[in-house]
């Protein structure tokens, strides 16, 4: 692991809960978004760049625990797409950062909010 990866791993294990390190961006699309094409593009991106499939774990060898980098051979992200009008979404929900189990909503059939604000 690189020094930066070691630092990120250390920071993520400080609270003991194994928090997830996620980089987020926000993109608003004001026209039709083809969800299938987006999914295929994401799969192609992950296939092309192994560094995006990196995870970390530990190996214990008796007295010592060592952090190691693991690159997944194949990663197939799942996504859930939903549509809801902005007025029906509470402000706290719109401002909340998405998590792997609660992705950002579509705000209409042709307007999509991706990432955090």
Protein backbone atom coordinates (compact mmCIF):
# COMPACT_ATOMS: atom_id res chain seq x y z
CA UNK A 1 0.00 0.00 0.00
CA UNK A 2 1.17 3.53 -0.73
CA UNK A 3 1.62 5.97 2.18
CA UNK A 4 -1.61 7.77 1.19
CA UNK A 5 -3.53 4.48 1.11
CA UNK A 6 -2.11 3.56 4.51
CA UNK A 7 -3.28 6.92 5.88
CA UNK A 8 -6.78 6.52 4.43
CA UNK A 9 -7.01 2.98 5.78
CA UNK A 10 -5.86 4.13 9.23
CA UNK A 11 -8.38 7.00 9.26
CA UNK A 12 -11.21 4.68 8.19
CA UNK A 13 -10.50 2.22 11.01
CA UNK A 14 -10.15 4.76 13.85
CA UNK A 15 -13.81 4.63 14.89
CA UNK A 16 -13.85 0.83 14.84
CA UNK A 17 -16.95 0.72 12.62
CA UNK A 18 -15.00 0.36 9.37
CA UNK A 19 -16.40 3.49 7.75
CA UNK A 20 -16.38 3.78 3.97
CA UNK A 21 -14.23 6.30 2.11
CA UNK A 22 -16.27 7.70 -0.77
CA UNK A 23 -15.44 10.53 -3.16
CA UNK A 24 -18.59 12.30 -4.30
CA UNK A 25 -19.42 14.87 -6.95
CA UNK A 26 -22.67 16.53 -7.95
CA UNK A 27 -24.07 16.51 -11.48
CA UNK A 28 -27.47 17.84 -12.50
CA UNK A 29 -28.84 16.77 -15.88
CA UNK A 30 -31.68 18.84 -17.31
CA UNK A 31 -32.56 16.46 -20.13
CA UNK A 32 -33.32 12.77 -20.56
CA UNK A 33 -30.74 10.48 -18.96
CA UNK A 34 -30.47 6.94 -20.33
CA UNK A 35 -30.00 4.88 -17.16
CA UNK A 36 -28.86 1.75 -19.03
CA UNK A 37 -26.15 3.66 -20.90
CA UNK A 38 -24.97 5.17 -17.61
CA UNK A 39 -24.75 1.72 -16.03
CA UNK A 40 -22.85 0.33 -19.04
CA UNK A 41 -20.47 3.31 -18.94
CA UNK A 42 -19.83 2.74 -15.24
CA UNK A 43 -19.10 -0.95 -15.84
CA UNK A 44 -16.69 -0.03 -18.66
CA UNK A 45 -14.98 2.55 -16.44
CA UNK A 46 -14.45 0.00 -13.65
CA UNK A 47 -13.20 -2.61 -16.12
CA UNK A 48 -10.71 -0.17 -17.63
CA UNK A 49 -9.31 1.23 -14.36
CA UNK A 50 -8.37 -1.40 -11.74
CA UNK A 51 -7.53 1.30 -9.18
CA UNK A 52 -11.28 2.00 -8.93
CA UNK A 53 -11.83 -1.61 -7.78
CA UNK A 54 -9.41 -1.41 -4.85
CA UNK A 55 -10.38 -2.45 -1.36
CA UNK A 56 -8.39 -2.99 1.80
CA UNK A 57 -8.24 -5.74 4.35
CA UNK A 58 -5.91 -7.21 6.93
CA UNK A 59 -3.76 -10.31 7.22
CA UNK A 60 -2.95 -11.62 10.68
CA UNK A 61 0.19 -13.71 11.10
CA UNK A 62 0.29 -14.44 14.79
CA UNK A 63 1.76 -11.36 16.47
CA UNK A 64 1.25 -8.86 13.68
CA UNK A 65 -1.68 -7.50 11.66
CA UNK A 66 -0.81 -6.08 8.25
CA UNK A 67 -3.09 -3.95 6.07
CA UNK A 68 -3.19 -5.12 2.44
CA UNK A 69 -4.62 -3.82 -0.81
CA UNK A 70 -7.01 -6.06 -2.75
CA UNK A 71 -8.01 -5.39 -6.37
CA UNK A 72 -11.32 -7.06 -7.25
CA UNK A 73 -11.12 -9.14 -10.42
CA UNK A 74 -14.59 -8.09 -11.45
CA UNK A 75 -16.89 -5.58 -9.89
CA UNK A 76 -20.48 -5.11 -10.97
CA UNK A 77 -21.99 -2.09 -9.24
CA UNK A 78 -25.66 -2.08 -8.51
CA UNK A 79 -27.76 1.02 -8.62
CA UNK A 80 -31.34 1.86 -7.80
CA UNK A 81 -33.06 4.54 -9.84
CA UNK A 82 -36.06 6.37 -8.47
CA UNK A 83 -38.03 9.41 -9.51
CA UNK A 84 -39.55 11.94 -7.17
CA UNK A 85 -40.57 15.58 -7.66
CA UNK A 86 -38.39 18.06 -5.72
CA UNK A 87 -41.36 19.40 -3.77
CA UNK A 88 -42.10 15.94 -2.32
CA UNK A 89 -38.54 15.40 -1.10
CA UNK A 90 -37.79 16.88 2.34
CA UNK A 91 -34.96 19.48 2.26
CA UNK A 92 -32.87 17.37 4.67
CA UNK A 93 -33.08 14.41 2.27
CA UNK A 94 -32.09 16.55 -0.71
CA UNK A 95 -29.07 17.91 1.19
CA UNK A 96 -27.97 14.54 2.60
CA UNK A 97 -24.97 12.80 1.11
CA UNK A 98 -25.79 9.56 -0.69
CA UNK A 99 -24.45 6.28 0.63
CA UNK A 100 -23.93 2.96 -1.14
CA UNK A 101 -27.29 1.75 0.24
CA UNK A 102 -29.21 5.00 -0.39
CA UNK A 103 -28.25 6.53 -3.76
CA UNK A 104 -29.35 10.03 -4.77
CA UNK A 105 -32.83 10.43 -6.26
CA UNK A 106 -33.97 11.54 -9.65
CA UNK A 107 -35.90 14.76 -9.20
CA UNK A 108 -38.03 14.21 -12.31
CA UNK A 109 -37.97 11.91 -15.35
CA UNK A 110 -35.61 14.35 -17.09
CA UNK A 111 -33.68 15.87 -14.16
CA UNK A 112 -31.24 13.77 -12.17
CA UNK A 113 -29.16 14.72 -9.16
CA UNK A 114 -26.04 12.60 -8.71
CA UNK A 115 -23.73 13.02 -5.74
CA UNK A 116 -23.81 15.30 -2.73
CA UNK A 117 -24.51 19.00 -2.52
